[in-house]
Amino acid sequence: FASGACSLARSTGAALLMVQSHRVAPGAYRVVIEPVATDQGLSPLAREKAVIADLAARLDAWVRAHPADWERWSTIDPAID
């Protein structure tokens, strides 16, 4: 995993957000934006590792909850026929 976003957020004070989307109907998606908590008490490297572990766990859960969204793009229903 790339740690650039975490490092940039830390150095600028910006919020780090995770964005997920999944299909709810042909051409319709649900988008979820969630903040990623960072423990300011950790060293920069430990904080990046913790953020990456959190993001990986969230992504794993999301893929398992919505496996059809991770098929090939050619299998997704078109929005307009």
PDB file of N, CA and C in Angstrom:
ATOM      1  N   PHE A   1       0.839  -1.182   0.000  1.00  0.00           N
ATOM      2  CA  PHE A   1       0.000   0.000   0.000  1.00  0.00           C
ATOM      3  C   PHE A   1       0.878   1.237   0.000  1.00  0.00           C
ATOM      4  N   ALA A   2       0.441   2.232  -0.725  1.00  0.00           N
ATOM      5  CA  ALA A   2       1.156   3.503  -0.748  1.00  0.00           C
ATOM      6  C   ALA A   2       0.837   4.280   0.524  1.00  0.00           C
ATOM      7  N   SER A   3       1.819   4.921   1.088  1.00  0.00           N
ATOM      8  CA  SER A   3       1.607   5.677   2.323  1.00  0.00           C
ATOM      9  C   SER A   3       1.613   7.180   2.069  1.00  0.00           C
ATOM     10  N   GLY A   4       1.663   7.595   0.815  1.00  0.00           N
ATOM     11  CA  GLY A   4       1.728   9.023   0.483  1.00  0.00           C
ATOM     12  C   GLY A   4       0.542   9.813   0.993  1.00  0.00           C
ATOM     13  N   ALA A   5      -0.679   9.277   0.851  1.00  0.00           N
ATOM     14  CA  ALA A   5      -1.865  10.011   1.294  1.00  0.00           C
ATOM     15  C   ALA A   5      -1.833  10.226   2.800  1.00  0.00           C
ATOM     16  N   CYS A   6      -1.435   9.210   3.522  1.00  0.00           N
ATOM     17  CA  CYS A   6      -1.350   9.314   4.983  1.00  0.00           C
ATOM     18  C   CYS A   6      -0.293  10.343   5.382  1.00  0.00           C
ATOM     19  N   SER A   7       0.847  10.300   4.738  1.00  0.00           N
ATOM     20  CA  SER A   7       1.924  11.253   5.046  1.00  0.00           C
ATOM     21  C   SER A   7       1.508  12.680   4.709  1.00  0.00           C
ATOM     22  N   LEU A   8       0.853  12.855   3.564  1.00  0.00           N
ATOM     23  CA  LEU A   8       0.415  14.185   3.147  1.00  0.00           C
ATOM     24  C   LEU A   8      -0.646  14.722   4.104  1.00  0.00           C
ATOM     25  N   ALA A   9      -1.597  13.889   4.489  1.00  0.00           N
ATOM     26  CA  ALA A   9      -2.626  14.326   5.435  1.00  0.00           C
ATOM     27  C   ALA A   9      -1.989  14.729   6.757  1.00  0.00           C
ATOM     28  N   ARG A  10      -1.039  13.934   7.227  1.00  0.00           N
ATOM     29  CA  ARG A  10      -0.372  14.232   8.494  1.00  0.00           C
ATOM     30  C   ARG A  10       0.395  15.551   8.406  1.00  0.00           C
ATOM     31  N   SER A  11       1.108  15.760   7.315  1.00  0.00           N
ATOM     32  CA  SER A  11       1.951  16.955   7.218  1.00  0.00           C
ATOM     33  C   SER A  11       1.146  18.235   6.990  1.00  0.00           C
ATOM     34  N   THR A  12      -0.056  18.118   6.437  1.00  0.00           N
ATOM     35  CA  THR A  12      -0.859  19.310   6.163  1.00  0.00           C
ATOM     36  C   THR A  12      -1.996  19.507   7.149  1.00  0.00           C
ATOM     37  N   GLY A  13      -2.270  18.493   7.975  1.00  0.00           N
ATOM     38  CA  GLY A  13      -3.380  18.586   8.910  1.00  0.00           C
ATOM     39  C   GLY A  13      -4.725  18.278   8.260  1.00  0.00           C
ATOM     40  N   ALA A  14      -4.705  17.776   7.030  1.00  0.00           N
ATOM     41  CA  ALA A  14      -5.947  17.452   6.315  1.00  0.00           C
ATOM     42  C   ALA A  14      -6.537  16.144   6.837  1.00  0.00           C
ATOM     43  N   ALA A  15      -7.832  16.021   6.678  1.00  0.00           N
ATOM     44  CA  ALA A  15      -8.506  14.772   7.054  1.00  0.00           C
ATOM     45  C   ALA A  15      -8.186  13.706   6.018  1.00  0.00           C
ATOM     46  N   LEU A  16      -8.071  12.484   6.479  1.00  0.00           N
ATOM     47  CA  LEU A  16      -7.873  11.349   5.592  1.00  0.00           C
ATOM     48  C   LEU A  16      -9.219  10.635   5.502  1.00  0.00           C
ATOM     49  N   LEU A  17      -9.729  10.472   4.286  1.00  0.00           N
ATOM     50  CA  LEU A  17     -11.052   9.896   4.077  1.00  0.00           C
ATOM     51  C   LEU A  17     -10.978   8.631   3.239  1.00  0.00           C
ATOM     52  N   MET A  18     -11.853   7.683   3.537  1.00  0.00           N
ATOM     53  CA  MET A  18     -11.994   6.478   2.715  1.00  0.00           C
ATOM     54  C   MET A  18     -13.317   6.609   1.973  1.00  0.00           C
ATOM     55  N   VAL A  19     -13.279   6.410   0.666  1.00  0.00           N
ATOM     56  CA  VAL A  19     -14.474   6.495  -0.160  1.00  0.00           C
ATOM     57  C   VAL A  19     -14.747   5.120  -0.744  1.00  0.00           C
ATOM     58  N   GLN A  20     -15.980   4.654  -0.560  1.00  0.00           N
ATOM     59  CA  GLN A  20     -16.392   3.352  -1.078  1.00  0.00           C
ATOM     60  C   GLN A  20     -17.686   3.545  -1.854  1.00  0.00           C
ATOM     61  N   SER A  21     -17.872   2.770  -2.884  1.00  0.00           N
ATOM     62  CA  SER A  21     -19.148   2.810  -3.598  1.00  0.00           C
ATOM     63  C   SER A  21     -19.532   1.391  -3.991  1.00  0.00           C
ATOM     64  N   HIS A  22     -20.829   1.155  -4.059  1.00  0.00           N
ATOM     65  CA  HIS A  22     -21.281  -0.138  -4.561  1.00  0.00           C
ATOM     66  C   HIS A  22     -22.609   0.044  -5.287  1.00  0.00           C
ATOM     67  N   ARG A  23     -22.831  -0.848  -6.215  1.00  0.00           N
ATOM     68  CA  ARG A  23     -24.018  -0.817  -7.056  1.00  0.00           C
ATOM     69  C   ARG A  23     -25.247  -1.199  -6.248  1.00  0.00           C
ATOM     70  N   VAL A  24     -26.305  -0.393  -6.343  1.00  0.00           N
ATOM     71  CA  VAL A  24     -27.568  -0.729  -5.693  1.00  0.00           C
ATOM     72  C   VAL A  24     -28.641  -1.078  -6.722  1.00  0.00           C
ATOM     73  N   ALA A  25     -28.402  -0.699  -7.983  1.00  0.00           N
ATOM     74  CA  ALA A  25     -29.297  -1.005  -9.095  1.00  0.00           C
ATOM     75  C   ALA A  25     -28.531  -0.665 -10.371  1.00  0.00           C
ATOM     76  N   PRO A  26     -28.993  -1.130 -11.530  1.00  0.00           N
ATOM     77  CA  PRO A  26     -28.296  -0.760 -12.767  1.00  0.00           C
ATOM     78  C   PRO A  26     -28.176   0.765 -12.884  1.00  0.00           C
ATOM     79  N   GLY A  27     -26.955   1.239 -12.977  1.00  0.00           N
ATOM     80  CA  GLY A  27     -26.695   2.667 -13.106  1.00  0.00           C
ATOM     81  C   GLY A  27     -26.842   3.461 -11.822  1.00  0.00           C
ATOM     82  N   ALA A  28     -27.065   2.805 -10.691  1.00  0.00           N
ATOM     83  CA  ALA A  28     -27.231   3.510  -9.416  1.00  0.00           C
ATOM     84  C   ALA A  28     -26.223   2.969  -8.405  1.00  0.00           C
ATOM     85  N   TYR A  29     -25.570   3.876  -7.708  1.00  0.00           N
ATOM     86  CA  TYR A  29     -24.536   3.498  -6.756  1.00  0.00           C
ATOM     87  C   TYR A  29     -24.760   4.192  -5.425  1.00  0.00           C
ATOM     88  N   ARG A  30     -24.308   3.557  -4.371  1.00  0.00           N
ATOM     89  CA  ARG A  30     -24.291   4.143  -3.037  1.00  0.00           C
ATOM     90  C   ARG A  30     -22.846   4.480  -2.732  1.00  0.00           C
ATOM     91  N   VAL A  31     -22.595   5.710  -2.332  1.00  0.00           N
ATOM     92  CA  VAL A  31     -21.242   6.157  -2.012  1.00  0.00           C
ATOM     93  C   VAL A  31     -21.175   6.441  -0.515  1.00  0.00           C
ATOM     94  N   VAL A  32     -20.156   5.895   0.123  1.00  0.00           N
ATOM     95  CA  VAL A  32     -19.945   6.089   1.557  1.00  0.00           C
ATOM     96  C   VAL A  32     -18.578   6.738   1.742  1.00  0.00           C
ATOM     97  N   ILE A  33     -18.560   7.840   2.474  1.00  0.00           N
ATOM     98  CA  ILE A  33     -17.306   8.537   2.784  1.00  0.00           C
ATOM     99  C   ILE A  33     -17.132   8.497   4.289  1.00  0.00           C
ATOM    100  N   GLU A  34     -16.018   7.923   4.729  1.00  0.00           N
ATOM    101  CA  GLU A  34     -15.763   7.771   6.157  1.00  0.00           C
ATOM    102  C   GLU A  34     -14.383   8.330   6.506  1.00  0.00           C
ATOM    103  N   PRO A  35     -14.280   9.013   7.642  1.00  0.00           N
ATOM    104  CA  PRO A  35     -12.952   9.468   8.073  1.00  0.00           C
ATOM    105  C   PRO A  35     -12.112   8.290   8.550  1.00  0.00           C
ATOM    106  N   VAL A  36     -10.824   8.425   8.398  1.00  0.00           N
ATOM    107  CA  VAL A  36      -9.883   7.422   8.886  1.00  0.00           C
ATOM    108  C   VAL A  36      -9.198   8.013  10.111  1.00  0.00           C
ATOM    109  N   ALA A  37      -9.387   7.369  11.242  1.00  0.00           N
ATOM    110  CA  ALA A  37      -8.792   7.863  12.483  1.00  0.00           C
ATOM    111  C   ALA A  37      -7.300   7.567  12.499  1.00  0.00           C
ATOM    112  N   THR A  38      -6.544   8.517  12.983  1.00  0.00           N
ATOM    113  CA  THR A  38      -5.106   8.316  13.142  1.00  0.00           C
ATOM    114  C   THR A  38      -4.729   8.612  14.584  1.00  0.00           C
ATOM    115  N   ASP A  39      -3.896   7.776  15.152  1.00  0.00           N
ATOM    116  CA  ASP A  39      -3.446   7.935  16.531  1.00  0.00           C
ATOM    117  C   ASP A  39      -2.239   8.863  16.532  1.00  0.00           C
ATOM    118  N   GLN A  40      -2.451  10.084  16.998  1.00  0.00           N
ATOM    119  CA  GLN A  40      -1.380  11.084  17.000  1.00  0.00           C
ATOM    120  C   GLN A  40      -0.248  10.733  17.959  1.00  0.00           C
ATOM    121  N   GLY A  41      -0.486   9.783  18.862  1.00  0.00           N
ATOM    122  CA  GLY A  41       0.539   9.399  19.820  1.00  0.00           C
ATOM    123  C   GLY A  41       1.584   8.450  19.251  1.00  0.00           C
ATOM    124  N   LEU A  42       1.329   7.934  18.061  1.00  0.00           N
ATOM    125  CA  LEU A  42       2.267   6.991  17.437  1.00  0.00           C
ATOM    126  C   LEU A  42       3.329   7.729  16.642  1.00  0.00           C
ATOM    127  N   SER A  43       4.432   7.061  16.397  1.00  0.00           N
ATOM    128  CA  SER A  43       5.455   7.623  15.508  1.00  0.00           C
ATOM    129  C   SER A  43       4.864   7.681  14.100  1.00  0.00           C
ATOM    130  N   PRO A  44       5.408   8.520  13.219  1.00  0.00           N
ATOM    131  CA  PRO A  44       4.872   8.601  11.862  1.00  0.00           C
ATOM    132  C   PRO A  44       4.804   7.242  11.159  1.00  0.00           C
ATOM    133  N   LEU A  45       5.844   6.432  11.277  1.00  0.00           N
ATOM    134  CA  LEU A  45       5.852   5.133  10.616  1.00  0.00           C
ATOM    135  C   LEU A  45       4.801   4.202  11.220  1.00  0.00           C
ATOM    136  N   ALA A  46       4.700   4.172  12.537  1.00  0.00           N
ATOM    137  CA  ALA A  46       3.702   3.327  13.198  1.00  0.00           C
ATOM    138  C   ALA A  46       2.290   3.794  12.850  1.00  0.00           C
ATOM    139  N   ARG A  47       2.089   5.110  12.751  1.00  0.00           N
ATOM    140  CA  ARG A  47       0.781   5.658  12.396  1.00  0.00           C
ATOM    141  C   ARG A  47       0.409   5.244  10.979  1.00  0.00           C
ATOM    142  N   GLU A  48       1.355   5.333  10.044  1.00  0.00           N
ATOM    143  CA  GLU A  48       1.088   4.922   8.665  1.00  0.00           C
ATOM    144  C   GLU A  48       0.740   3.444   8.596  1.00  0.00           C
ATOM    145  N   LYS A  49       1.478   2.620   9.344  1.00  0.00           N
ATOM    146  CA  LYS A  49       1.175   1.184   9.361  1.00  0.00           C
ATOM    147  C   LYS A  49      -0.222   0.928   9.921  1.00  0.00           C
ATOM    148  N   ALA A  50      -0.601   1.652  10.964  1.00  0.00           N
ATOM    149  CA  ALA A  50      -1.929   1.476  11.568  1.00  0.00           C
ATOM    150  C   ALA A  50      -3.025   1.908  10.599  1.00  0.00           C
ATOM    151  N   VAL A  51      -2.818   3.020   9.907  1.00  0.00           N
ATOM    152  CA  VAL A  51      -3.808   3.497   8.926  1.00  0.00           C
ATOM    153  C   VAL A  51      -3.945   2.491   7.791  1.00  0.00           C
ATOM    154  N   ILE A  52      -2.836   2.001   7.277  1.00  0.00           N
ATOM    155  CA  ILE A  52      -2.878   1.029   6.185  1.00  0.00           C
ATOM    156  C   ILE A  52      -3.581  -0.253   6.630  1.00  0.00           C
ATOM    157  N   ALA A  53      -3.302  -0.711   7.839  1.00  0.00           N
ATOM    158  CA  ALA A  53      -3.964  -1.912   8.350  1.00  0.00           C
ATOM    159  C   ALA A  53      -5.471  -1.681   8.475  1.00  0.00           C
ATOM    160  N   ASP A  54      -5.867  -0.500   8.938  1.00  0.00           N
ATOM    161  CA  ASP A  54      -7.283  -0.168   9.063  1.00  0.00           C
ATOM    162  C   ASP A  54      -7.952  -0.131   7.690  1.00  0.00           C
ATOM    163  N   LEU A  55      -7.316   0.534   6.734  1.00  0.00           N
ATOM    164  CA  LEU A  55      -7.880   0.622   5.388  1.00  0.00           C
ATOM    165  C   LEU A  55      -7.988  -0.758   4.734  1.00  0.00           C
ATOM    166  N   ALA A  56      -6.984  -1.588   4.920  1.00  0.00           N
ATOM    167  CA  ALA A  56      -7.011  -2.940   4.349  1.00  0.00           C
ATOM    168  C   ALA A  56      -8.152  -3.760   4.956  1.00  0.00           C
ATOM    169  N   ALA A  57      -8.359  -3.633   6.263  1.00  0.00           N
ATOM    170  CA  ALA A  57      -9.443  -4.360   6.924  1.00  0.00           C
ATOM    171  C   ALA A  57     -10.802  -3.874   6.432  1.00  0.00           C
ATOM    172  N   ARG A  58     -10.945  -2.546   6.276  1.00  0.00           N
ATOM    173  CA  ARG A  58     -12.207  -1.998   5.767  1.00  0.00           C
ATOM    174  C   ARG A  58     -12.462  -2.462   4.336  1.00  0.00           C
ATOM    175  N   LEU A  59     -11.425  -2.422   3.502  1.00  0.00           N
ATOM    176  CA  LEU A  59     -11.578  -2.852   2.111  1.00  0.00           C
ATOM    177  C   LEU A  59     -11.940  -4.326   2.043  1.00  0.00           C
ATOM    178  N   ASP A  60     -11.293  -5.149   2.844  1.00  0.00           N
ATOM    179  CA  ASP A  60     -11.599  -6.574   2.869  1.00  0.00           C
ATOM    180  C   ASP A  60     -13.064  -6.799   3.234  1.00  0.00           C
ATOM    181  N   ALA A  61     -13.535  -6.108   4.258  1.00  0.00           N
ATOM    182  CA  ALA A  61     -14.934  -6.251   4.684  1.00  0.00           C
ATOM    183  C   ALA A  61     -15.889  -5.783   3.589  1.00  0.00           C
ATOM    184  N   TRP A  62     -15.553  -4.686   2.922  1.00  0.00           N
ATOM    185  CA  TRP A  62     -16.414  -4.134   1.862  1.00  0.00           C
ATOM    186  C   TRP A  62     -16.494  -5.089   0.674  1.00  0.00           C
ATOM    187  N   VAL A  63     -15.357  -5.632   0.274  1.00  0.00           N
ATOM    188  CA  VAL A  63     -15.341  -6.584  -0.853  1.00  0.00           C
ATOM    189  C   VAL A  63     -16.141  -7.833  -0.497  1.00  0.00           C
ATOM    190  N   ARG A  64     -15.987  -8.330   0.710  1.00  0.00           N
ATOM    191  CA  ARG A  64     -16.732  -9.519   1.123  1.00  0.00           C
ATOM    192  C   ARG A  64     -18.242  -9.240   1.203  1.00  0.00           C
ATOM    193  N   ALA A  65     -18.616  -8.019   1.576  1.00  0.00           N
ATOM    194  CA  ALA A  65     -20.031  -7.660   1.675  1.00  0.00           C
ATOM    195  C   ALA A  65     -20.661  -7.418   0.300  1.00  0.00           C
ATOM    196  N   HIS A  66     -19.838  -7.007  -0.680  1.00  0.00           N
ATOM    197  CA  HIS A  66     -20.348  -6.666  -2.011  1.00  0.00           C
ATOM    198  C   HIS A  66     -19.463  -7.294  -3.097  1.00  0.00           C
ATOM    199  N   PRO A  67     -19.352  -8.610  -3.124  1.00  0.00           N
ATOM    200  CA  PRO A  67     -18.412  -9.241  -4.061  1.00  0.00           C
ATOM    201  C   PRO A  67     -18.734  -8.999  -5.529  1.00  0.00           C
ATOM    202  N   ALA A  68     -19.991  -8.833  -5.872  1.00  0.00           N
ATOM    203  CA  ALA A  68     -20.355  -8.623  -7.280  1.00  0.00           C
ATOM    204  C   ALA A  68     -19.793  -7.306  -7.822  1.00  0.00           C
ATOM    205  N   ASP A  69     -19.559  -6.339  -6.947  1.00  0.00           N
ATOM    206  CA  ASP A  69     -19.008  -5.059  -7.388  1.00  0.00           C
ATOM    207  C   ASP A  69     -17.544  -5.165  -7.804  1.00  0.00           C
ATOM    208  N   TRP A  70     -16.933  -6.302  -7.517  1.00  0.00           N
ATOM    209  CA  TRP A  70     -15.518  -6.472  -7.826  1.00  0.00           C
ATOM    210  C   TRP A  70     -15.310  -7.393  -9.018  1.00  0.00           C
ATOM    211  N   GLU A  71     -16.382  -7.642  -9.775  1.00  0.00           N
ATOM    212  CA  GLU A  71     -16.264  -8.416 -11.003  1.00  0.00           C
ATOM    213  C   GLU A  71     -15.670  -7.527 -12.087  1.00  0.00           C
ATOM    214  N   ARG A  72     -15.492  -8.108 -13.238  1.00  0.00           N
ATOM    215  CA  ARG A  72     -14.981  -7.319 -14.368  1.00  0.00           C
ATOM    216  C   ARG A  72     -15.985  -6.233 -14.741  1.00  0.00           C
ATOM    217  N   TRP A  73     -15.488  -5.105 -15.226  1.00  0.00           N
ATOM    218  CA  TRP A  73     -16.365  -4.001 -15.617  1.00  0.00           C
ATOM    219  C   TRP A  73     -17.353  -4.430 -16.701  1.00  0.00           C
ATOM    220  N   SER A  74     -16.971  -5.368 -17.543  1.00  0.00           N
ATOM    221  CA  SER A  74     -17.851  -5.785 -18.632  1.00  0.00           C
ATOM    222  C   SER A  74     -19.082  -6.528 -18.132  1.00  0.00           C
ATOM    223  N   THR A  75     -19.090  -6.945 -16.870  1.00  0.00           N
ATOM    224  CA  THR A  75     -20.250  -7.668 -16.335  1.00  0.00           C
ATOM    225  C   THR A  75     -21.230  -6.749 -15.619  1.00  0.00           C
ATOM    226  N   ILE A  76     -20.894  -5.476 -15.482  1.00  0.00           N
ATOM    227  CA  ILE A  76     -21.771  -4.541 -14.795  1.00  0.00           C
ATOM    228  C   ILE A  76     -22.901  -4.139 -15.735  1.00  0.00           C
ATOM    229  N   ASP A  77     -24.118  -4.097 -15.192  1.00  0.00           N
ATOM    230  CA  ASP A  77     -25.278  -3.687 -15.980  1.00  0.00           C
ATOM    231  C   ASP A  77     -25.098  -2.254 -16.463  1.00  0.00           C
ATOM    232  N   PRO A  78     -25.390  -1.983 -17.722  1.00  0.00           N
ATOM    233  CA  PRO A  78     -25.272  -0.597 -18.206  1.00  0.00           C
ATOM    234  C   PRO A  78     -26.340   0.291 -17.586  1.00  0.00           C
ATOM    235  N   ALA A  79     -26.032   1.566 -17.426  1.00  0.00           N
ATOM    236  CA  ALA A  79     -27.000   2.509 -16.871  1.00  0.00           C
ATOM    237  C   ALA A  79     -28.129   2.782 -17.859  1.00  0.00           C
ATOM    238  N   ILE A  80     -27.788   2.805 -19.112  1.00  0.00           N
ATOM    239  CA  ILE A  80     -28.784   3.083 -20.165  1.00  0.00           C
ATOM    240  C   ILE A  80     -28.657   2.021 -21.229  1.00  0.00           C
ATOM    241  N   ASP A  81     -29.779   1.453 -21.621  1.00  0.00           N
ATOM    242  CA  ASP A  81     -29.771   0.459 -22.687  1.00  0.00           C
ATOM    243  C   ASP A  81     -29.822   1.118 -24.051  1.00  0.00           C
TER     244      ASP A  81
END
